[in-house]
C-alpha cells in the first residue's frame, strides 16, 4: 500500500501542531529552531499541497482556520504513531547492544576492576556494562542464579559447582595502630599468637574472612572476633583507632600504611597469608566475547590463568 498523493512530511505537520499549541507562528518557529519567515513558507507549502487554507494571517498575527484545526486533529495521532515508531526502533537498537553483567567482591571492584574495564573498553567500546558489588558468597549466588554473566571473587577454594580460573594471588598483611604493643615486639608474631588474638574480621561470606579463618584454623581454633564489620573501610578505621589488630589485603591497607596511620606487623616465616583471586561462571555458560576478554585481562594482559 502506497501513501496517497500529496501526503505531507511529518516535520511540517509537527510545526502546524506547534502553532495550535503555542498560539502563534513565531512561537512555533522558535520551538523548532527556525525563523518565522521560514516557518510561514513551510506552512504555505503545506497549504498548497493540501489545497486548504490553514492559517488566517493578519497584522496582529496568525490564527488557525477551521480547516487548520481539523488538520491538526488528524495530525496529532499521526505524530504520536511516528514517535512510538521511533521509540520502538530505538529499543530494537538497544536490545542489539551487547551487555555484560559482572559481579565482583568489594576488594576486586575497588582496586582491580577499573583497570580491567578500561582494557575491555578498548576492544568492546559498544558493550553495555553493569557491575554488582558484594562479598564473595553473594557474588557466587549471583553467578549461580544467572543474574551475572561472570563473577570475580577471592578466597581459599573455588566454588565446586561453578567454573573458575585463578587470576593471581593477593598478599594479606597484619596491621595495627601505631601505639599497639605489637609494634614494639622484637620477635615476629607467630601463627598461634595471631589465631588466639581477637581480631577485626569481615562479615561471614567474605572471601578475606574465609581465607584467614582457614589459615588460622589449621593452627588452632581462632579466638572470637573483636568485631565483625561489613566493609574493609570499617576495618581500617577501627584498626587505626586501636580497637584490635586486623588482617587485610595489602591493596586495601597500602594507603594507611604509607601514611603511618597503620603499621604492618612482622610475622614468622611460617605464616603465609595469601588468597587467590578468581573469575567464576556457570559451567553451562562459560565466558565468551566480552566476558572471556575481561577474564583474560584480569589474568594479566591476555595471559590465560590456571583453571580450577
C-alpha atoms as a PDB file:
ATOM      1  CA  UNK A   1       0.000   0.000   0.000  1.00  0.00           C
ATOM      2  CA  UNK A   2       1.422   3.363  -1.064  1.00  0.00           C
ATOM      3  CA  UNK A   3       0.838   6.739   0.526  1.00  0.00           C
ATOM      4  CA  UNK A   4      -1.819   8.893  -1.140  1.00  0.00           C
ATOM      5  CA  UNK A   5      -0.566  11.736  -3.360  1.00  0.00           C
ATOM      6  CA  UNK A   6       0.079  14.975  -1.510  1.00  0.00           C
ATOM      7  CA  UNK A   7       0.834  13.329   1.854  1.00  0.00           C
ATOM      8  CA  UNK A   8       2.798  15.949   3.824  1.00  0.00           C
ATOM      9  CA  UNK A   9       6.013  15.234   5.694  1.00  0.00           C
ATOM     10  CA  UNK A  10       5.927  14.843   9.450  1.00  0.00           C
ATOM     11  CA  UNK A  11       8.072  17.879  10.242  1.00  0.00           C
ATOM     12  CA  UNK A  12       5.628  20.382   8.737  1.00  0.00           C
ATOM     13  CA  UNK A  13       2.717  18.660  10.475  1.00  0.00           C
ATOM     14  CA  UNK A  14       4.627  18.953  13.748  1.00  0.00           C
ATOM     15  CA  UNK A  15       5.151  22.657  13.020  1.00  0.00           C
ATOM     16  CA  UNK A  16       1.420  23.161  12.442  1.00  0.00           C
ATOM     17  CA  UNK A  17       0.588  21.371  15.706  1.00  0.00           C
ATOM     18  CA  UNK A  18       3.061  23.662  17.474  1.00  0.00           C
ATOM     19  CA  UNK A  19       1.189  26.680  16.090  1.00  0.00           C
ATOM     20  CA  UNK A  20      -2.001  25.257  17.614  1.00  0.00           C
ATOM     21  CA  UNK A  21      -0.344  24.528  20.957  1.00  0.00           C
ATOM     22  CA  UNK A  22       1.580  27.796  21.311  1.00  0.00           C
ATOM     23  CA  UNK A  23      -0.940  30.151  19.720  1.00  0.00           C
ATOM     24  CA  UNK A  24       1.388  31.858  17.247  1.00  0.00           C
ATOM     25  CA  UNK A  25       3.553  31.140  14.245  1.00  0.00           C
ATOM     26  CA  UNK A  26       6.513  32.962  15.820  1.00  0.00           C
ATOM     27  CA  UNK A  27       6.443  30.830  18.975  1.00  0.00           C
ATOM     28  CA  UNK A  28       6.160  27.660  16.875  1.00  0.00           C
ATOM     29  CA  UNK A  29       9.160  28.781  14.801  1.00  0.00           C
ATOM     30  CA  UNK A  30      11.244  29.289  17.958  1.00  0.00           C
ATOM     31  CA  UNK A  31      10.316  25.832  19.253  1.00  0.00           C
ATOM     32  CA  UNK A  32      11.537  24.280  16.000  1.00  0.00           C
ATOM     33  CA  UNK A  33      14.681  26.395  15.806  1.00  0.00           C
ATOM     34  CA  UNK A  34      13.809  28.210  12.565  1.00  0.00           C
ATOM     35  CA  UNK A  35      12.962  31.779  11.641  1.00  0.00           C
ATOM     36  CA  UNK A  36       9.361  32.977  11.443  1.00  0.00           C
ATOM     37  CA  UNK A  37       9.581  33.625   7.667  1.00  0.00           C
ATOM     38  CA  UNK A  38      10.878  30.071   7.160  1.00  0.00           C
ATOM     39  CA  UNK A  39       8.019  28.694   9.262  1.00  0.00           C
ATOM     40  CA  UNK A  40       5.490  30.753   7.262  1.00  0.00           C
ATOM     41  CA  UNK A  41       6.936  29.441   3.996  1.00  0.00           C
ATOM     42  CA  UNK A  42       6.638  25.834   5.192  1.00  0.00           C
ATOM     43  CA  UNK A  43       3.020  26.311   6.247  1.00  0.00           C
ATOM     44  CA  UNK A  44       2.263  27.957   2.886  1.00  0.00           C
ATOM     45  CA  UNK A  45       3.782  24.958   1.098  1.00  0.00           C
ATOM     46  CA  UNK A  46       1.613  22.661   3.213  1.00  0.00           C
ATOM     47  CA  UNK A  47      -1.484  24.682   2.292  1.00  0.00           C
ATOM     48  CA  UNK A  48      -0.677  24.316  -1.407  1.00  0.00           C
ATOM     49  CA  UNK A  49      -0.104  20.594  -1.037  1.00  0.00           C
ATOM     50  CA  UNK A  50      -3.378  20.076   0.830  1.00  0.00           C
ATOM     51  CA  UNK A  51      -5.220  22.760  -1.175  1.00  0.00           C
ATOM     52  CA  UNK A  52      -6.563  24.143   2.079  1.00  0.00           C
ATOM     53  CA  UNK A  53      -6.110  27.448   3.892  1.00  0.00           C
ATOM     54  CA  UNK A  54      -4.787  26.541   7.316  1.00  0.00           C
ATOM     55  CA  UNK A  55      -3.881  29.945   8.774  1.00  0.00           C
ATOM     56  CA  UNK A  56      -5.542  33.341   8.749  1.00  0.00           C
ATOM     57  CA  UNK A  57      -2.649  35.784   8.517  1.00  0.00           C
ATOM     58  CA  UNK A  58      -3.209  39.321   9.735  1.00  0.00           C
ATOM     59  CA  UNK A  59      -1.313  42.340  11.035  1.00  0.00           C
ATOM     60  CA  UNK A  60      -1.636  41.088  14.620  1.00  0.00           C
ATOM     61  CA  UNK A  61      -0.540  37.523  13.891  1.00  0.00           C
ATOM     62  CA  UNK A  62      -1.781  34.233  12.521  1.00  0.00           C
ATOM     63  CA  UNK A  63      -4.655  32.041  13.672  1.00  0.00           C
ATOM     64  CA  UNK A  64      -5.759  28.571  12.652  1.00  0.00           C
ATOM     65  CA  UNK A  65      -8.744  28.322  10.346  1.00  0.00           C
ATOM     66  CA  UNK A  66     -11.431  25.695  10.848  1.00  0.00           C
ATOM     67  CA  UNK A  67      -9.644  23.577   8.250  1.00  0.00           C
ATOM     68  CA  UNK A  68      -6.353  24.165  10.071  1.00  0.00           C
ATOM     69  CA  UNK A  69      -7.831  22.956  13.343  1.00  0.00           C
ATOM     70  CA  UNK A  70      -9.221  19.868  11.604  1.00  0.00           C
ATOM     71  CA  UNK A  71      -5.836  19.098  10.050  1.00  0.00           C
ATOM     72  CA  UNK A  72      -4.199  19.470  13.473  1.00  0.00           C
ATOM     73  CA  UNK A  73      -6.699  16.960  14.869  1.00  0.00           C
ATOM     74  CA  UNK A  74      -5.759  14.465  12.163  1.00  0.00           C
ATOM     75  CA  UNK A  75      -2.033  15.198  12.524  1.00  0.00           C
ATOM     76  CA  UNK A  76      -1.746  14.525  16.261  1.00  0.00           C
ATOM     77  CA  UNK A  77      -2.318  10.728  16.137  1.00  0.00           C
ATOM     78  CA  UNK A  78      -0.030  10.512  13.099  1.00  0.00           C
ATOM     79  CA  UNK A  79       2.750  12.250  15.025  1.00  0.00           C
ATOM     80  CA  UNK A  80       2.154  10.100  18.100  1.00  0.00           C
ATOM     81  CA  UNK A  81       2.421   6.992  15.931  1.00  0.00           C
ATOM     82  CA  UNK A  82       5.664   8.315  14.454  1.00  0.00           C
ATOM     83  CA  UNK A  83       7.106   8.908  17.934  1.00  0.00           C
ATOM     84  CA  UNK A  84       6.063   5.393  19.000  1.00  0.00           C
ATOM     85  CA  UNK A  85       7.721   4.053  15.856  1.00  0.00           C
ATOM     86  CA  UNK A  86      10.940   5.918  16.677  1.00  0.00           C
ATOM     87  CA  UNK A  87      10.912   4.651  20.265  1.00  0.00           C
ATOM     88  CA  UNK A  88      10.366   1.103  19.033  1.00  0.00           C
ATOM     89  CA  UNK A  89      13.292   1.310  16.628  1.00  0.00           C
ATOM     90  CA  UNK A  90      15.485   2.753  19.405  1.00  0.00           C
ATOM     91  CA  UNK A  91      14.500  -0.145  21.657  1.00  0.00           C
ATOM     92  CA  UNK A  92      15.497  -2.605  18.939  1.00  0.00           C
ATOM     93  CA  UNK A  93      18.885  -0.948  18.661  1.00  0.00           C
ATOM     94  CA  UNK A  94      19.294  -1.032  22.452  1.00  0.00           C
ATOM     95  CA  UNK A  95      18.420  -4.732  22.512  1.00  0.00           C
ATOM     96  CA  UNK A  96      21.159  -5.431  19.984  1.00  0.00           C
ATOM     97  CA  UNK A  97      23.860  -3.701  22.047  1.00  0.00           C
ATOM     98  CA  UNK A  98      25.916  -6.428  23.770  1.00  0.00           C
ATOM     99  CA  UNK A  99      25.594  -6.373  27.551  1.00  0.00           C
ATOM    100  CA  UNK A 100      27.871  -7.820  30.180  1.00  0.00           C
ATOM    101  CA  UNK A 101      26.602  -8.346  33.720  1.00  0.00           C
ATOM    102  CA  UNK A 102      29.500  -8.508  36.170  1.00  0.00           C
ATOM    103  CA  UNK A 103      29.534  -9.294  39.878  1.00  0.00           C
ATOM    104  CA  UNK A 104      32.667  -8.689  41.929  1.00  0.00           C
ATOM    105  CA  UNK A 105      33.814  -8.775  45.515  1.00  0.00           C
ATOM    106  CA  UNK A 106      34.454  -5.412  47.111  1.00  0.00           C
ATOM    107  CA  UNK A 107      38.249  -5.566  47.053  1.00  0.00           C
ATOM    108  CA  UNK A 108      38.373  -6.534  43.392  1.00  0.00           C
ATOM    109  CA  UNK A 109      35.715  -3.992  42.410  1.00  0.00           C
ATOM    110  CA  UNK A 110      37.560  -1.153  44.129  1.00  0.00           C
ATOM    111  CA  UNK A 111      41.168  -1.993  43.319  1.00  0.00           C
ATOM    112  CA  UNK A 112      41.223  -4.106  40.154  1.00  0.00           C
ATOM    113  CA  UNK A 113      38.009  -3.755  38.169  1.00  0.00           C
ATOM    114  CA  UNK A 114      38.521  -0.174  36.855  1.00  0.00           C
ATOM    115  CA  UNK A 115      41.744  -1.152  35.088  1.00  0.00           C
ATOM    116  CA  UNK A 116      40.207  -4.349  33.697  1.00  0.00           C
ATOM    117  CA  UNK A 117      37.169  -2.475  32.384  1.00  0.00           C
ATOM    118  CA  UNK A 118      39.368   0.102  30.670  1.00  0.00           C
ATOM    119  CA  UNK A 119      41.151  -2.717  28.844  1.00  0.00           C
ATOM    120  CA  UNK A 120      37.804  -4.249  27.902  1.00  0.00           C
ATOM    121  CA  UNK A 121      36.550  -0.928  26.502  1.00  0.00           C
ATOM    122  CA  UNK A 122      39.485  -0.770  24.115  1.00  0.00           C
ATOM    123  CA  UNK A 123      38.205  -3.895  22.356  1.00  0.00           C
ATOM    124  CA  UNK A 124      34.449  -3.627  23.010  1.00  0.00           C
ATOM    125  CA  UNK A 125      33.624   0.103  23.222  1.00  0.00           C
ATOM    126  CA  UNK A 126      29.954  -0.568  22.492  1.00  0.00           C
ATOM    127  CA  UNK A 127      29.337  -3.123  25.239  1.00  0.00           C
ATOM    128  CA  UNK A 128      26.891  -2.143  27.987  1.00  0.00           C
ATOM    129  CA  UNK A 129      28.292  -2.997  31.419  1.00  0.00           C
ATOM    130  CA  UNK A 130      26.566  -3.447  34.762  1.00  0.00           C
ATOM    131  CA  UNK A 131      28.583  -4.182  37.903  1.00  0.00           C
ATOM    132  CA  UNK A 132      27.158  -5.609  41.133  1.00  0.00           C
ATOM    133  CA  UNK A 133      29.470  -5.327  44.151  1.00  0.00           C
ATOM    134  CA  UNK A 134      29.104  -7.583  47.196  1.00  0.00           C
ATOM    135  CA  UNK A 135      31.014 -10.110  49.253  1.00  0.00           C
ATOM    136  CA  UNK A 136      32.305 -13.346  47.746  1.00  0.00           C
ATOM    137  CA  UNK A 137      29.413 -15.551  48.828  1.00  0.00           C
ATOM    138  CA  UNK A 138      26.847 -13.167  47.376  1.00  0.00           C
ATOM    139  CA  UNK A 139      28.802 -12.890  44.104  1.00  0.00           C
ATOM    140  CA  UNK A 140      28.770 -16.667  43.812  1.00  0.00           C
ATOM    141  CA  UNK A 141      24.978 -16.627  44.282  1.00  0.00           C
ATOM    142  CA  UNK A 142      24.516 -14.012  41.566  1.00  0.00           C
ATOM    143  CA  UNK A 143      26.527 -16.092  39.102  1.00  0.00           C
ATOM    144  CA  UNK A 144      24.838 -19.332  40.130  1.00  0.00           C
ATOM    145  CA  UNK A 145      21.370 -17.775  39.642  1.00  0.00           C
ATOM    146  CA  UNK A 146      22.363 -16.402  36.179  1.00  0.00           C
ATOM    147  CA  UNK A 147      21.987 -12.815  37.386  1.00  0.00           C
ATOM    148  CA  UNK A 148      25.617 -12.204  36.442  1.00  0.00           C
ATOM    149  CA  UNK A 149      27.449 -13.489  33.375  1.00  0.00           C
ATOM    150  CA  UNK A 150      30.797 -13.589  35.151  1.00  0.00           C
ATOM    151  CA  UNK A 151      31.964 -13.037  38.720  1.00  0.00           C
ATOM    152  CA  UNK A 152      35.236 -12.140  40.418  1.00  0.00           C
ATOM    153  CA  UNK A 153      35.907 -13.370  43.939  1.00  0.00           C
ATOM    154  CA  UNK A 154      38.684 -14.073  46.407  1.00  0.00           C
ATOM    155  CA  UNK A 155      39.010 -16.962  48.803  1.00  0.00           C
ATOM    156  CA  UNK A 156      40.846 -20.177  49.594  1.00  0.00           C
ATOM    157  CA  UNK A 157      38.850 -22.504  47.326  1.00  0.00           C
ATOM    158  CA  UNK A 158      36.868 -22.345  44.081  1.00  0.00           C
ATOM    159  CA  UNK A 159      33.095 -22.878  44.362  1.00  0.00           C
ATOM    160  CA  UNK A 160      32.655 -26.584  43.488  1.00  0.00           C
ATOM    161  CA  UNK A 161      29.568 -26.100  41.307  1.00  0.00           C
ATOM    162  CA  UNK A 162      30.954 -23.267  39.161  1.00  0.00           C
ATOM    163  CA  UNK A 163      33.661 -22.984  36.549  1.00  0.00           C
ATOM    164  CA  UNK A 164      36.602 -20.836  37.581  1.00  0.00           C
ATOM    165  CA  UNK A 165      40.014 -19.521  36.635  1.00  0.00           C
ATOM    166  CA  UNK A 166      42.758 -18.390  39.002  1.00  0.00           C
ATOM    167  CA  UNK A 167      43.758 -14.808  38.216  1.00  0.00           C
ATOM    168  CA  UNK A 168      46.548 -14.383  40.722  1.00  0.00           C
ATOM    169  CA  UNK A 169      47.307 -14.141  44.418  1.00  0.00           C
ATOM    170  CA  UNK A 170      46.799 -11.298  46.858  1.00  0.00           C
ATOM    171  CA  UNK A 171      49.054 -10.647  49.845  1.00  0.00           C
ATOM    172  CA  UNK A 172      47.409 -10.272  53.234  1.00  0.00           C
ATOM    173  CA  UNK A 173      49.142  -8.278  55.970  1.00  0.00           C
ATOM    174  CA  UNK A 174      48.698  -7.990  59.721  1.00  0.00           C
ATOM    175  CA  UNK A 175      48.157  -4.346  60.710  1.00  0.00           C
ATOM    176  CA  UNK A 176      47.750  -2.460  63.983  1.00  0.00           C
ATOM    177  CA  UNK A 177      47.530   1.131  65.157  1.00  0.00           C
ATOM    178  CA  UNK A 178      50.903   2.865  65.757  1.00  0.00           C
ATOM    179  CA  UNK A 179      50.623   2.602  69.551  1.00  0.00           C
ATOM    180  CA  UNK A 180      49.764  -1.110  69.647  1.00  0.00           C
ATOM    181  CA  UNK A 181      52.144  -3.331  71.726  1.00  0.00           C
ATOM    182  CA  UNK A 182      52.896  -5.477  68.662  1.00  0.00           C
ATOM    183  CA  UNK A 183      54.744  -2.551  67.093  1.00  0.00           C
ATOM    184  CA  UNK A 184      57.371  -2.798  69.868  1.00  0.00           C
ATOM    185  CA  UNK A 185      57.922  -6.537  69.584  1.00  0.00           C
ATOM    186  CA  UNK A 186      61.326  -7.862  68.618  1.00  0.00           C
ATOM    187  CA  UNK A 187      60.057 -11.336  67.758  1.00  0.00           C
ATOM    188  CA  UNK A 188      57.698 -11.851  64.816  1.00  0.00           C
ATOM    189  CA  UNK A 189      54.092 -12.747  65.593  1.00  0.00           C
ATOM    190  CA  UNK A 190      53.518 -16.481  65.264  1.00  0.00           C
ATOM    191  CA  UNK A 191      50.518 -18.135  63.683  1.00  0.00           C
ATOM    192  CA  UNK A 192      49.295 -19.346  67.072  1.00  0.00           C
ATOM    193  CA  UNK A 193      49.561 -15.850  68.554  1.00  0.00           C
ATOM    194  CA  UNK A 194      47.596 -14.483  65.656  1.00  0.00           C
ATOM    195  CA  UNK A 195      44.977 -17.216  65.958  1.00  0.00           C
ATOM    196  CA  UNK A 196      44.480 -16.742  69.698  1.00  0.00           C
ATOM    197  CA  UNK A 197      44.184 -12.954  69.454  1.00  0.00           C
ATOM    198  CA  UNK A 198      40.747 -11.351  68.979  1.00  0.00           C
ATOM    199  CA  UNK A 199      40.959  -9.700  65.559  1.00  0.00           C
ATOM    200  CA  UNK A 200      38.810  -7.394  63.474  1.00  0.00           C
ATOM    201  CA  UNK A 201      37.003  -9.642  60.994  1.00  0.00           C
ATOM    202  CA  UNK A 202      34.905  -9.121  57.893  1.00  0.00           C
ATOM    203  CA  UNK A 203      31.330 -10.413  57.887  1.00  0.00           C
ATOM    204  CA  UNK A 204      30.511 -14.085  57.152  1.00  0.00           C
ATOM    205  CA  UNK A 205      30.568 -14.655  53.392  1.00  0.00           C
ATOM    206  CA  UNK A 206      33.653 -12.507  52.842  1.00  0.00           C
ATOM    207  CA  UNK A 207      36.479 -14.134  50.895  1.00  0.00           C
ATOM    208  CA  UNK A 208      39.044 -12.477  53.156  1.00  0.00           C
ATOM    209  CA  UNK A 209      37.366 -13.886  56.245  1.00  0.00           C
ATOM    210  CA  UNK A 210      37.161 -17.405  54.787  1.00  0.00           C
ATOM    211  CA  UNK A 211      40.827 -17.328  53.780  1.00  0.00           C
ATOM    212  CA  UNK A 212      42.164 -16.049  57.110  1.00  0.00           C
ATOM    213  CA  UNK A 213      39.874 -18.302  59.140  1.00  0.00           C
ATOM    214  CA  UNK A 214      41.137 -21.364  57.253  1.00  0.00           C
ATOM    215  CA  UNK A 215      44.794 -20.360  57.707  1.00  0.00           C
ATOM    216  CA  UNK A 216      44.398 -19.712  61.432  1.00  0.00           C
ATOM    217  CA  UNK A 217      42.111 -22.692  61.917  1.00  0.00           C
ATOM    218  CA  UNK A 218      44.826 -25.006  60.655  1.00  0.00           C
ATOM    219  CA  UNK A 219      46.818 -23.996  63.764  1.00  0.00           C
ATOM    220  CA  UNK A 220      44.039 -23.909  66.364  1.00  0.00           C
ATOM    221  CA  UNK A 221      40.504 -22.704  66.935  1.00  0.00           C
ATOM    222  CA  UNK A 222      40.628 -18.931  66.224  1.00  0.00           C
ATOM    223  CA  UNK A 223      39.679 -16.582  69.040  1.00  0.00           C
ATOM    224  CA  UNK A 224      36.296 -14.915  68.975  1.00  0.00           C
ATOM    225  CA  UNK A 225      36.389 -11.779  66.804  1.00  0.00           C
ATOM    226  CA  UNK A 226      36.951  -8.439  68.465  1.00  0.00           C
ATOM    227  CA  UNK A 227      34.346  -7.191  65.986  1.00  0.00           C
ATOM    228  CA  UNK A 228      32.729  -8.280  62.716  1.00  0.00           C
ATOM    229  CA  UNK A 229      32.492  -5.408  60.242  1.00  0.00           C
ATOM    230  CA  UNK A 230      30.772  -5.231  56.883  1.00  0.00           C
ATOM    231  CA  UNK A 231      33.445  -3.424  54.891  1.00  0.00           C
ATOM    232  CA  UNK A 232      37.193  -3.179  54.592  1.00  0.00           C
ATOM    233  CA  UNK A 233      36.945   0.577  55.139  1.00  0.00           C
ATOM    234  CA  UNK A 234      35.294  -0.013  58.525  1.00  0.00           C
ATOM    235  CA  UNK A 235      38.063  -2.435  59.498  1.00  0.00           C
ATOM    236  CA  UNK A 236      40.751   0.076  58.504  1.00  0.00           C
ATOM    237  CA  UNK A 237      39.050   2.790  60.578  1.00  0.00           C
ATOM    238  CA  UNK A 238      38.679   0.501  63.598  1.00  0.00           C
ATOM    239  CA  UNK A 239      42.266  -0.715  63.367  1.00  0.00           C
ATOM    240  CA  UNK A 240      43.512   2.879  63.111  1.00  0.00           C
ATOM    241  CA  UNK A 241      41.540   3.699  66.252  1.00  0.00           C
ATOM    242  CA  UNK A 242      43.348   0.911  68.106  1.00  0.00           C
ATOM    243  CA  UNK A 243      40.364  -1.404  68.500  1.00  0.00           C
ATOM    244  CA  UNK A 244      42.297  -4.571  67.601  1.00  0.00           C
ATOM    245  CA  UNK A 245      44.708  -5.985  65.030  1.00  0.00           C
ATOM    246  CA  UNK A 246      43.383  -6.871  61.593  1.00  0.00           C
ATOM    247  CA  UNK A 247      44.418  -8.965  58.618  1.00  0.00           C
ATOM    248  CA  UNK A 248      43.832  -7.037  55.406  1.00  0.00           C
ATOM    249  CA  UNK A 249      44.692  -7.167  51.755  1.00  0.00           C
ATOM    250  CA  UNK A 250      47.757  -5.050  51.070  1.00  0.00           C
ATOM    251  CA  UNK A 251      45.681  -3.402  48.336  1.00  0.00           C
ATOM    252  CA  UNK A 252      43.348  -2.060  50.998  1.00  0.00           C
ATOM    253  CA  UNK A 253      45.891  -1.305  53.722  1.00  0.00           C
ATOM    254  CA  UNK A 254      48.520   0.305  51.490  1.00  0.00           C
ATOM    255  CA  UNK A 255      47.367   3.922  51.790  1.00  0.00           C
ATOM    256  CA  UNK A 256      47.099   3.764  55.583  1.00  0.00           C
ATOM    257  CA  UNK A 257      50.494   2.034  55.810  1.00  0.00           C
ATOM    258  CA  UNK A 258      52.124   4.664  53.603  1.00  0.00           C
ATOM    259  CA  UNK A 259      50.676   7.492  55.712  1.00  0.00           C
ATOM    260  CA  UNK A 260      51.668   5.869  59.009  1.00  0.00           C
ATOM    261  CA  UNK A 261      48.078   5.549  60.176  1.00  0.00           C
ATOM    262  CA  UNK A 262      48.606   1.774  60.359  1.00  0.00           C
ATOM    263  CA  UNK A 263      51.725  -0.292  60.997  1.00  0.00           C
ATOM    264  CA  UNK A 264      52.430  -3.659  59.429  1.00  0.00           C
ATOM    265  CA  UNK A 265      53.353  -6.311  61.971  1.00  0.00           C
ATOM    266  CA  UNK A 266      56.133  -8.712  61.044  1.00  0.00           C
ATOM    267  CA  UNK A 267      55.015 -12.328  61.134  1.00  0.00           C
ATOM    268  CA  UNK A 268      57.024 -15.507  61.492  1.00  0.00           C
ATOM    269  CA  UNK A 269      58.346 -17.143  58.336  1.00  0.00           C
ATOM    270  CA  UNK A 270      55.865 -19.979  58.812  1.00  0.00           C
ATOM    271  CA  UNK A 271      52.934 -17.565  58.489  1.00  0.00           C
ATOM    272  CA  UNK A 272      51.862 -17.458  54.842  1.00  0.00           C
ATOM    273  CA  UNK A 273      48.946 -15.070  54.374  1.00  0.00           C
ATOM    274  CA  UNK A 274      47.747 -15.049  50.784  1.00  0.00           C
ATOM    275  CA  UNK A 275      44.497 -15.564  48.967  1.00  0.00           C
ATOM    276  CA  UNK A 276      43.571 -16.251  45.356  1.00  0.00           C
ATOM    277  CA  UNK A 277      41.586 -14.046  43.020  1.00  0.00           C
ATOM    278  CA  UNK A 278      39.298 -15.991  40.695  1.00  0.00           C
ATOM    279  CA  UNK A 279      36.930 -15.458  37.820  1.00  0.00           C
ATOM    280  CA  UNK A 280      33.826 -17.651  38.133  1.00  0.00           C
ATOM    281  CA  UNK A 281      30.974 -18.589  35.795  1.00  0.00           C
ATOM    282  CA  UNK A 282      28.217 -21.151  35.342  1.00  0.00           C
ATOM    283  CA  UNK A 283      29.637 -24.321  33.820  1.00  0.00           C
ATOM    284  CA  UNK A 284      26.874 -24.409  31.206  1.00  0.00           C
ATOM    285  CA  UNK A 285      27.658 -20.828  30.152  1.00  0.00           C
ATOM    286  CA  UNK A 286      31.454 -20.385  30.016  1.00  0.00           C
ATOM    287  CA  UNK A 287      32.652 -16.844  29.282  1.00  0.00           C
ATOM    288  CA  UNK A 288      32.796 -15.792  25.643  1.00  0.00           C
ATOM    289  CA  UNK A 289      33.173 -12.497  23.789  1.00  0.00           C
ATOM    290  CA  UNK A 290      33.436  -9.571  26.238  1.00  0.00           C
ATOM    291  CA  UNK A 291      33.278 -11.862  29.288  1.00  0.00           C
ATOM    292  CA  UNK A 292      36.160 -14.008  28.034  1.00  0.00           C
ATOM    293  CA  UNK A 293      38.232 -10.938  27.207  1.00  0.00           C
ATOM    294  CA  UNK A 294      37.551  -9.477  30.660  1.00  0.00           C
ATOM    295  CA  UNK A 295      38.703 -12.719  32.283  1.00  0.00           C
ATOM    296  CA  UNK A 296      41.893 -12.659  30.196  1.00  0.00           C
ATOM    297  CA  UNK A 297      42.515  -9.000  31.083  1.00  0.00           C
ATOM    298  CA  UNK A 298      42.088  -9.911  34.741  1.00  0.00           C
ATOM    299  CA  UNK A 299      44.510 -12.807  34.366  1.00  0.00           C
ATOM    300  CA  UNK A 300      47.155 -10.413  33.074  1.00  0.00           C
ATOM    301  CA  UNK A 301      47.112  -8.855  29.624  1.00  0.00           C
ATOM    302  CA  UNK A 302      45.626 -11.749  27.737  1.00  0.00           C
ATOM    303  CA  UNK A 303      47.591 -14.482  29.521  1.00  0.00           C
ATOM    304  CA  UNK A 304      45.349 -17.403  30.339  1.00  0.00           C
ATOM    305  CA  UNK A 305      45.215 -18.261  34.021  1.00  0.00           C
ATOM    306  CA  UNK A 306      45.136 -21.719  35.505  1.00  0.00           C
ATOM    307  CA  UNK A 307      41.743 -23.374  35.575  1.00  0.00           C
ATOM    308  CA  UNK A 308      40.195 -24.977  38.659  1.00  0.00           C
END
